[in-house]
């Protein structure tokens, strides 16, 4: 199943992002939209470049995915749906 159609994967990604970026007191996973740019004000996450590194570390620990460049990550994986598809393409 393609990642963007996997509700459980998307929820897990939202929980991981919120935990890795220490936003637990600020936002709940269900409040993060699937199609909104993660690094935009609209996401409600208020993420920055340090958060991108934290997310990269979380992806490596929880999913075994290696991403070496936070700028490339922010260019190519912009929404929860795109991140889910990156992890689970088919």
PDB file of N, CA and C in Angstrom:
ATOM      1  N   UNK A   1       0.838  -1.179   0.000  1.00  0.00           N
ATOM      2  CA  UNK A   1       0.000   0.000   0.000  1.00  0.00           C
ATOM      3  C   UNK A   1       0.883   1.243   0.000  1.00  0.00           C
ATOM      4  N   UNK A   2       0.518   2.187  -0.820  1.00  0.00           N
ATOM      5  CA  UNK A   2       1.257   3.449  -0.882  1.00  0.00           C
ATOM      6  C   UNK A   2       1.101   4.178   0.450  1.00  0.00           C
ATOM      7  N   UNK A   3       2.207   4.741   0.940  1.00  0.00           N
ATOM      8  CA  UNK A   3       2.245   5.360   2.259  1.00  0.00           C
ATOM      9  C   UNK A   3       1.198   6.421   2.504  1.00  0.00           C
ATOM     10  N   UNK A   4       0.891   7.245   1.484  1.00  0.00           N
ATOM     11  CA  UNK A   4      -0.083   8.317   1.676  1.00  0.00           C
ATOM     12  C   UNK A   4      -1.501   7.787   1.870  1.00  0.00           C
ATOM     13  N   UNK A   5      -1.712   6.507   1.609  1.00  0.00           N
ATOM     14  CA  UNK A   5      -3.021   5.893   1.845  1.00  0.00           C
ATOM     15  C   UNK A   5      -3.047   5.078   3.144  1.00  0.00           C
ATOM     16  N   UNK A   6      -1.944   5.075   3.861  1.00  0.00           N
ATOM     17  CA  UNK A   6      -1.812   4.297   5.095  1.00  0.00           C
ATOM     18  C   UNK A   6      -1.966   5.210   6.315  1.00  0.00           C
ATOM     19  N   UNK A   7      -3.173   5.255   6.853  1.00  0.00           N
ATOM     20  CA  UNK A   7      -3.480   6.159   7.970  1.00  0.00           C
ATOM     21  C   UNK A   7      -2.611   5.869   9.191  1.00  0.00           C
ATOM     22  N   UNK A   8      -2.329   4.603   9.455  1.00  0.00           N
ATOM     23  CA  UNK A   8      -1.513   4.238  10.618  1.00  0.00           C
ATOM     24  C   UNK A   8      -0.081   4.755  10.460  1.00  0.00           C
ATOM     25  N   UNK A   9       0.476   4.645   9.262  1.00  0.00           N
ATOM     26  CA  UNK A   9       1.832   5.144   9.007  1.00  0.00           C
ATOM     27  C   UNK A   9       1.874   6.658   9.171  1.00  0.00           C
ATOM     28  N   UNK A  10       0.884   7.352   8.624  1.00  0.00           N
ATOM     29  CA  UNK A  10       0.863   8.820   8.723  1.00  0.00           C
ATOM     30  C   UNK A  10       0.737   9.269  10.173  1.00  0.00           C
ATOM     31  N   UNK A  11      -0.071   8.583  10.956  1.00  0.00           N
ATOM     32  CA  UNK A  11      -0.190   8.923  12.382  1.00  0.00           C
ATOM     33  C   UNK A  11       1.132   8.673  13.088  1.00  0.00           C
ATOM     34  N   UNK A  12       1.782   7.561  12.776  1.00  0.00           N
ATOM     35  CA  UNK A  12       3.085   7.250  13.382  1.00  0.00           C
ATOM     36  C   UNK A  12       4.123   8.320  13.031  1.00  0.00           C
ATOM     37  N   UNK A  13       4.110   8.794  11.781  1.00  0.00           N
ATOM     38  CA  UNK A  13       5.033   9.856  11.369  1.00  0.00           C
ATOM     39  C   UNK A  13       4.757  11.153  12.121  1.00  0.00           C
ATOM     40  N   UNK A  14       3.501  11.502  12.266  1.00  0.00           N
ATOM     41  CA  UNK A  14       3.142  12.724  12.992  1.00  0.00           C
ATOM     42  C   UNK A  14       3.599  12.629  14.447  1.00  0.00           C
ATOM     43  N   UNK A  15       3.361  11.468  15.073  1.00  0.00           N
ATOM     44  CA  UNK A  15       3.784  11.271  16.462  1.00  0.00           C
ATOM     45  C   UNK A  15       5.299  11.364  16.586  1.00  0.00           C
ATOM     46  N   UNK A  16       6.023  10.765  15.629  1.00  0.00           N
ATOM     47  CA  UNK A  16       7.474  10.803  15.661  1.00  0.00           C
ATOM     48  C   UNK A  16       7.986  12.234  15.511  1.00  0.00           C
ATOM     49  N   UNK A  17       7.420  12.975  14.572  1.00  0.00           N
ATOM     50  CA  UNK A  17       7.844  14.352  14.347  1.00  0.00           C
ATOM     51  C   UNK A  17       7.602  15.194  15.594  1.00  0.00           C
ATOM     52  N   UNK A  18       6.430  15.072  16.174  1.00  0.00           N
ATOM     53  CA  UNK A  18       6.093  15.851  17.368  1.00  0.00           C
ATOM     54  C   UNK A  18       7.015  15.489  18.526  1.00  0.00           C
ATOM     55  N   UNK A  19       7.300  14.201  18.685  1.00  0.00           N
ATOM     56  CA  UNK A  19       8.187  13.759  19.770  1.00  0.00           C
ATOM     57  C   UNK A  19       9.631  14.209  19.533  1.00  0.00           C
ATOM     58  N   UNK A  20      10.146  13.977  18.326  1.00  0.00           N
ATOM     59  CA  UNK A  20      11.540  14.325  18.023  1.00  0.00           C
ATOM     60  C   UNK A  20      11.791  15.831  18.121  1.00  0.00           C
ATOM     61  N   UNK A  21      10.778  16.617  17.809  1.00  0.00           N
ATOM     62  CA  UNK A  21      10.931  18.079  17.817  1.00  0.00           C
ATOM     63  C   UNK A  21      10.445  18.701  19.123  1.00  0.00           C
ATOM     64  N   UNK A  22      10.118  17.838  20.081  1.00  0.00           N
ATOM     65  CA  UNK A  22       9.697  18.257  21.419  1.00  0.00           C
ATOM     66  C   UNK A  22       8.546  19.261  21.374  1.00  0.00           C
ATOM     67  N   UNK A  23       7.500  18.879  20.645  1.00  0.00           N
ATOM     68  CA  UNK A  23       6.320  19.733  20.479  1.00  0.00           C
ATOM     69  C   UNK A  23       5.091  19.129  21.170  1.00  0.00           C
ATOM     70  N   UNK A  24       5.298  18.150  22.052  1.00  0.00           N
ATOM     71  CA  UNK A  24       4.194  17.439  22.687  1.00  0.00           C
ATOM     72  C   UNK A  24       3.228  18.361  23.424  1.00  0.00           C
ATOM     73  N   UNK A  25       3.738  19.427  24.021  1.00  0.00           N
ATOM     74  CA  UNK A  25       2.894  20.346  24.782  1.00  0.00           C
ATOM     75  C   UNK A  25       2.210  21.369  23.888  1.00  0.00           C
ATOM     76  N   UNK A  26       2.571  21.392  22.603  1.00  0.00           N
ATOM     77  CA  UNK A  26       2.071  22.425  21.702  1.00  0.00           C
ATOM     78  C   UNK A  26       1.033  21.944  20.703  1.00  0.00           C
ATOM     79  N   UNK A  27       1.113  20.675  20.277  1.00  0.00           N
ATOM     80  CA  UNK A  27       0.236  20.198  19.211  1.00  0.00           C
ATOM     81  C   UNK A  27       0.008  18.697  19.346  1.00  0.00           C
ATOM     82  N   UNK A  28      -1.170  18.247  18.930  1.00  0.00           N
ATOM     83  CA  UNK A  28      -1.470  16.813  18.934  1.00  0.00           C
ATOM     84  C   UNK A  28      -1.355  16.290  17.503  1.00  0.00           C
ATOM     85  N   UNK A  29      -1.012  15.014  17.337  1.00  0.00           N
ATOM     86  CA  UNK A  29      -0.798  14.474  15.992  1.00  0.00           C
ATOM     87  C   UNK A  29      -1.982  14.690  15.041  1.00  0.00           C
ATOM     88  N   UNK A  30      -3.188  14.505  15.524  1.00  0.00           N
ATOM     89  CA  UNK A  30      -4.368  14.650  14.660  1.00  0.00           C
ATOM     90  C   UNK A  30      -4.519  16.066  14.108  1.00  0.00           C
ATOM     91  N   UNK A  31      -3.888  17.042  14.740  1.00  0.00           N
ATOM     92  CA  UNK A  31      -3.997  18.429  14.291  1.00  0.00           C
ATOM     93  C   UNK A  31      -3.051  18.760  13.142  1.00  0.00           C
ATOM     94  N   UNK A  32      -2.144  17.863  12.819  1.00  0.00           N
ATOM     95  CA  UNK A  32      -1.190  18.097  11.741  1.00  0.00           C
ATOM     96  C   UNK A  32      -1.825  17.622  10.428  1.00  0.00           C
ATOM     97  N   UNK A  33      -2.084  18.536   9.502  1.00  0.00           N
ATOM     98  CA  UNK A  33      -2.699  18.147   8.227  1.00  0.00           C
ATOM     99  C   UNK A  33      -1.748  17.304   7.374  1.00  0.00           C
ATOM    100  N   UNK A  34      -2.301  16.398   6.589  1.00  0.00           N
ATOM    101  CA  UNK A  34      -1.503  15.500   5.751  1.00  0.00           C
ATOM    102  C   UNK A  34      -0.896  16.211   4.534  1.00  0.00           C
ATOM    103  N   UNK A  35      -1.552  17.232   4.022  1.00  0.00           N
ATOM    104  CA  UNK A  35      -1.124  17.864   2.773  1.00  0.00           C
ATOM    105  C   UNK A  35      -0.559  19.255   2.935  1.00  0.00           C
ATOM    106  N   UNK A  36      -0.240  19.663   4.130  1.00  0.00           N
ATOM    107  CA  UNK A  36       0.306  20.999   4.367  1.00  0.00           C
ATOM    108  C   UNK A  36       1.822  20.889   4.494  1.00  0.00           C
ATOM    109  N   UNK A  37       2.530  21.864   3.932  1.00  0.00           N
ATOM    110  CA  UNK A  37       3.984  21.882   4.007  1.00  0.00           C
ATOM    111  C   UNK A  37       4.420  21.836   5.480  1.00  0.00           C
ATOM    112  N   UNK A  38       5.242  20.857   5.834  1.00  0.00           N
ATOM    113  CA  UNK A  38       5.679  20.684   7.219  1.00  0.00           C
ATOM    114  C   UNK A  38       6.432  21.893   7.757  1.00  0.00           C
ATOM    115  N   UNK A  39       7.214  22.533   6.888  1.00  0.00           N
ATOM    116  CA  UNK A  39       8.042  23.651   7.332  1.00  0.00           C
ATOM    117  C   UNK A  39       7.383  24.995   7.016  1.00  0.00           C
ATOM    118  N   UNK A  40       6.047  25.015   7.091  1.00  0.00           N
ATOM    119  CA  UNK A  40       5.301  26.260   6.891  1.00  0.00           C
ATOM    120  C   UNK A  40       4.532  26.588   8.165  1.00  0.00           C
ATOM    121  N   UNK A  41       4.096  27.811   8.277  1.00  0.00           N
ATOM    122  CA  UNK A  41       3.280  28.230   9.430  1.00  0.00           C
ATOM    123  C   UNK A  41       1.970  27.455   9.473  1.00  0.00           C
ATOM    124  N   UNK A  42       1.434  27.107   8.305  1.00  0.00           N
ATOM    125  CA  UNK A  42       0.144  26.415   8.219  1.00  0.00           C
ATOM    126  C   UNK A  42       0.148  25.043   8.908  1.00  0.00           C
ATOM    127  N   UNK A  43       1.322  24.436   9.040  1.00  0.00           N
ATOM    128  CA  UNK A  43       1.391  23.106   9.663  1.00  0.00           C
ATOM    129  C   UNK A  43       1.127  23.170  11.160  1.00  0.00           C
ATOM    130  N   UNK A  44       1.373  24.336  11.751  1.00  0.00           N
ATOM    131  CA  UNK A  44       1.211  24.473  13.191  1.00  0.00           C
ATOM    132  C   UNK A  44       2.383  23.930  13.989  1.00  0.00           C
ATOM    133  N   UNK A  45       3.383  23.391  13.313  1.00  0.00           N
ATOM    134  CA  UNK A  45       4.518  22.766  13.989  1.00  0.00           C
ATOM    135  C   UNK A  45       5.650  23.746  14.296  1.00  0.00           C
ATOM    136  N   UNK A  46       5.744  24.818  13.554  1.00  0.00           N
ATOM    137  CA  UNK A  46       6.792  25.821  13.745  1.00  0.00           C
ATOM    138  C   UNK A  46       8.180  25.164  13.712  1.00  0.00           C
ATOM    139  N   UNK A  47       8.451  24.428  12.630  1.00  0.00           N
ATOM    140  CA  UNK A  47       9.702  23.691  12.491  1.00  0.00           C
ATOM    141  C   UNK A  47      10.799  24.562  11.893  1.00  0.00           C
ATOM    142  N   UNK A  48      12.051  24.255  12.266  1.00  0.00           N
ATOM    143  CA  UNK A  48      13.206  24.958  11.709  1.00  0.00           C
ATOM    144  C   UNK A  48      14.254  23.929  11.275  1.00  0.00           C
ATOM    145  N   UNK A  49      15.437  24.398  10.907  1.00  0.00           N
ATOM    146  CA  UNK A  49      16.466  23.495  10.402  1.00  0.00           C
ATOM    147  C   UNK A  49      16.945  22.497  11.456  1.00  0.00           C
ATOM    148  N   UNK A  50      16.963  22.893  12.716  1.00  0.00           N
ATOM    149  CA  UNK A  50      17.331  21.943  13.775  1.00  0.00           C
ATOM    150  C   UNK A  50      16.280  20.845  13.904  1.00  0.00           C
ATOM    151  N   UNK A  51      15.020  21.213  13.716  1.00  0.00           N
ATOM    152  CA  UNK A  51      13.955  20.214  13.744  1.00  0.00           C
ATOM    153  C   UNK A  51      14.107  19.240  12.575  1.00  0.00           C
ATOM    154  N   UNK A  52      14.537  19.743  11.408  1.00  0.00           N
ATOM    155  CA  UNK A  52      14.761  18.857  10.262  1.00  0.00           C
ATOM    156  C   UNK A  52      15.792  17.784  10.616  1.00  0.00           C
ATOM    157  N   UNK A  53      16.848  18.180  11.304  1.00  0.00           N
ATOM    158  CA  UNK A  53      17.865  17.205  11.733  1.00  0.00           C
ATOM    159  C   UNK A  53      17.280  16.200  12.718  1.00  0.00           C
ATOM    160  N   UNK A  54      16.440  16.679  13.634  1.00  0.00           N
ATOM    161  CA  UNK A  54      15.790  15.780  14.600  1.00  0.00           C
ATOM    162  C   UNK A  54      14.883  14.786  13.895  1.00  0.00           C
ATOM    163  N   UNK A  55      14.167  15.256  12.885  1.00  0.00           N
ATOM    164  CA  UNK A  55      13.282  14.370  12.123  1.00  0.00           C
ATOM    165  C   UNK A  55      14.102  13.339  11.362  1.00  0.00           C
ATOM    166  N   UNK A  56      15.202  13.758  10.763  1.00  0.00           N
ATOM    167  CA  UNK A  56      16.089  12.831  10.054  1.00  0.00           C
ATOM    168  C   UNK A  56      16.589  11.744  11.005  1.00  0.00           C
ATOM    169  N   UNK A  57      16.965  12.132  12.211  1.00  0.00           N
ATOM    170  CA  UNK A  57      17.426  11.153  13.216  1.00  0.00           C
ATOM    171  C   UNK A  57      16.291  10.196  13.586  1.00  0.00           C
ATOM    172  N   UNK A  58      15.086  10.728  13.766  1.00  0.00           N
ATOM    173  CA  UNK A  58      13.936   9.891  14.090  1.00  0.00           C
ATOM    174  C   UNK A  58      13.618   8.906  12.982  1.00  0.00           C
ATOM    175  N   UNK A  59      13.698   9.350  11.741  1.00  0.00           N
ATOM    176  CA  UNK A  59      13.456   8.455  10.607  1.00  0.00           C
ATOM    177  C   UNK A  59      14.484   7.339  10.568  1.00  0.00           C
ATOM    178  N   UNK A  60      15.722   7.670  10.878  1.00  0.00           N
ATOM    179  CA  UNK A  60      16.769   6.652  10.899  1.00  0.00           C
ATOM    180  C   UNK A  60      16.520   5.643  12.011  1.00  0.00           C
ATOM    181  N   UNK A  61      16.183   6.125  13.195  1.00  0.00           N
ATOM    182  CA  UNK A  61      15.971   5.231  14.338  1.00  0.00           C
ATOM    183  C   UNK A  61      14.719   4.385  14.188  1.00  0.00           C
ATOM    184  N   UNK A  62      13.621   4.990  13.756  1.00  0.00           N
ATOM    185  CA  UNK A  62      12.346   4.275  13.744  1.00  0.00           C
ATOM    186  C   UNK A  62      12.052   3.525  12.447  1.00  0.00           C
ATOM    187  N   UNK A  63      12.640   3.992  11.330  1.00  0.00           N
ATOM    188  CA  UNK A  63      12.324   3.385  10.039  1.00  0.00           C
ATOM    189  C   UNK A  63      13.551   2.861   9.300  1.00  0.00           C
ATOM    190  N   UNK A  64      14.754   3.075   9.851  1.00  0.00           N
ATOM    191  CA  UNK A  64      15.967   2.606   9.205  1.00  0.00           C
ATOM    192  C   UNK A  64      16.319   3.368   7.935  1.00  0.00           C
ATOM    193  N   UNK A  65      15.790   4.582   7.796  1.00  0.00           N
ATOM    194  CA  UNK A  65      16.022   5.397   6.605  1.00  0.00           C
ATOM    195  C   UNK A  65      17.154   6.372   6.870  1.00  0.00           C
ATOM    196  N   UNK A  66      18.104   6.421   5.949  1.00  0.00           N
ATOM    197  CA  UNK A  66      19.241   7.338   6.089  1.00  0.00           C
ATOM    198  C   UNK A  66      19.074   8.515   5.140  1.00  0.00           C
ATOM    199  N   UNK A  67      19.058   9.703   5.700  1.00  0.00           N
ATOM    200  CA  UNK A  67      19.030  10.949   4.936  1.00  0.00           C
ATOM    201  C   UNK A  67      20.177  11.795   5.458  1.00  0.00           C
ATOM    202  N   UNK A  68      21.068  12.188   4.578  1.00  0.00           N
ATOM    203  CA  UNK A  68      22.270  12.871   5.045  1.00  0.00           C
ATOM    204  C   UNK A  68      22.175  14.392   5.001  1.00  0.00           C
ATOM    205  N   UNK A  69      21.245  14.937   4.239  1.00  0.00           N
ATOM    206  CA  UNK A  69      21.211  16.377   4.016  1.00  0.00           C
ATOM    207  C   UNK A  69      19.849  16.943   4.399  1.00  0.00           C
ATOM    208  N   UNK A  70      19.803  17.788   5.427  1.00  0.00           N
ATOM    209  CA  UNK A  70      18.527  18.345   5.881  1.00  0.00           C
ATOM    210  C   UNK A  70      17.909  19.274   4.836  1.00  0.00           C
ATOM    211  N   UNK A  71      18.728  19.955   4.036  1.00  0.00           N
ATOM    212  CA  UNK A  71      18.178  20.826   2.995  1.00  0.00           C
ATOM    213  C   UNK A  71      17.495  20.006   1.907  1.00  0.00           C
ATOM    214  N   UNK A  72      18.106  18.920   1.500  1.00  0.00           N
ATOM    215  CA  UNK A  72      17.498  18.044   0.501  1.00  0.00           C
ATOM    216  C   UNK A  72      16.211  17.434   1.066  1.00  0.00           C
ATOM    217  N   UNK A  73      16.240  17.055   2.319  1.00  0.00           N
ATOM    218  CA  UNK A  73      15.060  16.505   2.974  1.00  0.00           C
ATOM    219  C   UNK A  73      13.915  17.513   2.916  1.00  0.00           C
ATOM    220  N   UNK A  74      14.198  18.758   3.250  1.00  0.00           N
ATOM    221  CA  UNK A  74      13.162  19.791   3.265  1.00  0.00           C
ATOM    222  C   UNK A  74      12.658  20.108   1.862  1.00  0.00           C
ATOM    223  N   UNK A  75      13.468  19.899   0.840  1.00  0.00           N
ATOM    224  CA  UNK A  75      13.046  20.138  -0.545  1.00  0.00           C
ATOM    225  C   UNK A  75      12.164  19.019  -1.074  1.00  0.00           C
ATOM    226  N   UNK A  76      12.497  17.782  -0.749  1.00  0.00           N
ATOM    227  CA  UNK A  76      11.841  16.632  -1.356  1.00  0.00           C
ATOM    228  C   UNK A  76      10.714  16.032  -0.518  1.00  0.00           C
ATOM    229  N   UNK A  77      10.794  16.149   0.769  1.00  0.00           N
ATOM    230  CA  UNK A  77       9.774  15.571   1.647  1.00  0.00           C
ATOM    231  C   UNK A  77       9.087  16.733   2.351  1.00  0.00           C
ATOM    232  N   UNK A  78       8.042  17.235   1.737  1.00  0.00           N
ATOM    233  CA  UNK A  78       7.467  18.484   2.215  1.00  0.00           C
ATOM    234  C   UNK A  78       6.180  18.341   3.023  1.00  0.00           C
ATOM    235  N   UNK A  79       5.467  17.238   2.857  1.00  0.00           N
ATOM    236  CA  UNK A  79       4.206  17.027   3.578  1.00  0.00           C
ATOM    237  C   UNK A  79       4.215  15.644   4.227  1.00  0.00           C
ATOM    238  N   UNK A  80       3.261  15.398   5.096  1.00  0.00           N
ATOM    239  CA  UNK A  80       3.122  14.063   5.702  1.00  0.00           C
ATOM    240  C   UNK A  80       2.872  13.029   4.606  1.00  0.00           C
ATOM    241  N   UNK A  81       1.999  13.350   3.646  1.00  0.00           N
ATOM    242  CA  UNK A  81       1.725  12.401   2.559  1.00  0.00           C
ATOM    243  C   UNK A  81       2.987  12.085   1.769  1.00  0.00           C
ATOM    244  N   UNK A  82       3.799  13.092   1.438  1.00  0.00           N
ATOM    245  CA  UNK A  82       5.032  12.846   0.687  1.00  0.00           C
ATOM    246  C   UNK A  82       6.033  12.052   1.514  1.00  0.00           C
ATOM    247  N   UNK A  83       6.115  12.343   2.794  1.00  0.00           N
ATOM    248  CA  UNK A  83       7.017  11.588   3.665  1.00  0.00           C
ATOM    249  C   UNK A  83       6.579  10.137   3.748  1.00  0.00           C
ATOM    250  N   UNK A  84       5.274   9.901   3.867  1.00  0.00           N
ATOM    251  CA  UNK A  84       4.751   8.534   3.922  1.00  0.00           C
ATOM    252  C   UNK A  84       5.037   7.792   2.619  1.00  0.00           C
ATOM    253  N   UNK A  85       4.874   8.466   1.475  1.00  0.00           N
ATOM    254  CA  UNK A  85       5.167   7.847   0.184  1.00  0.00           C
ATOM    255  C   UNK A  85       6.666   7.582   0.020  1.00  0.00           C
ATOM    256  N   UNK A  86       7.496   8.459   0.577  1.00  0.00           N
ATOM    257  CA  UNK A  86       8.950   8.258   0.533  1.00  0.00           C
ATOM    258  C   UNK A  86       9.325   6.997   1.296  1.00  0.00           C
ATOM    259  N   UNK A  87       8.692   6.780   2.441  1.00  0.00           N
ATOM    260  CA  UNK A  87       8.989   5.611   3.273  1.00  0.00           C
ATOM    261  C   UNK A  87       8.391   4.341   2.688  1.00  0.00           C
ATOM    262  N   UNK A  88       7.181   4.464   2.175  1.00  0.00           N
ATOM    263  CA  UNK A  88       6.430   3.304   1.679  1.00  0.00           C
ATOM    264  C   UNK A  88       5.896   3.630   0.273  1.00  0.00           C
ATOM    265  N   UNK A  89       6.742   3.509  -0.758  1.00  0.00           N
ATOM    266  CA  UNK A  89       6.342   3.935  -2.102  1.00  0.00           C
ATOM    267  C   UNK A  89       5.206   3.122  -2.727  1.00  0.00           C
ATOM    268  N   UNK A  90       5.099   1.892  -2.416  1.00  0.00           N
ATOM    269  CA  UNK A  90       4.044   1.030  -2.994  1.00  0.00           C
ATOM    270  C   UNK A  90       3.420   0.173  -1.941  1.00  0.00           C
TER     271      UNK A  90
END
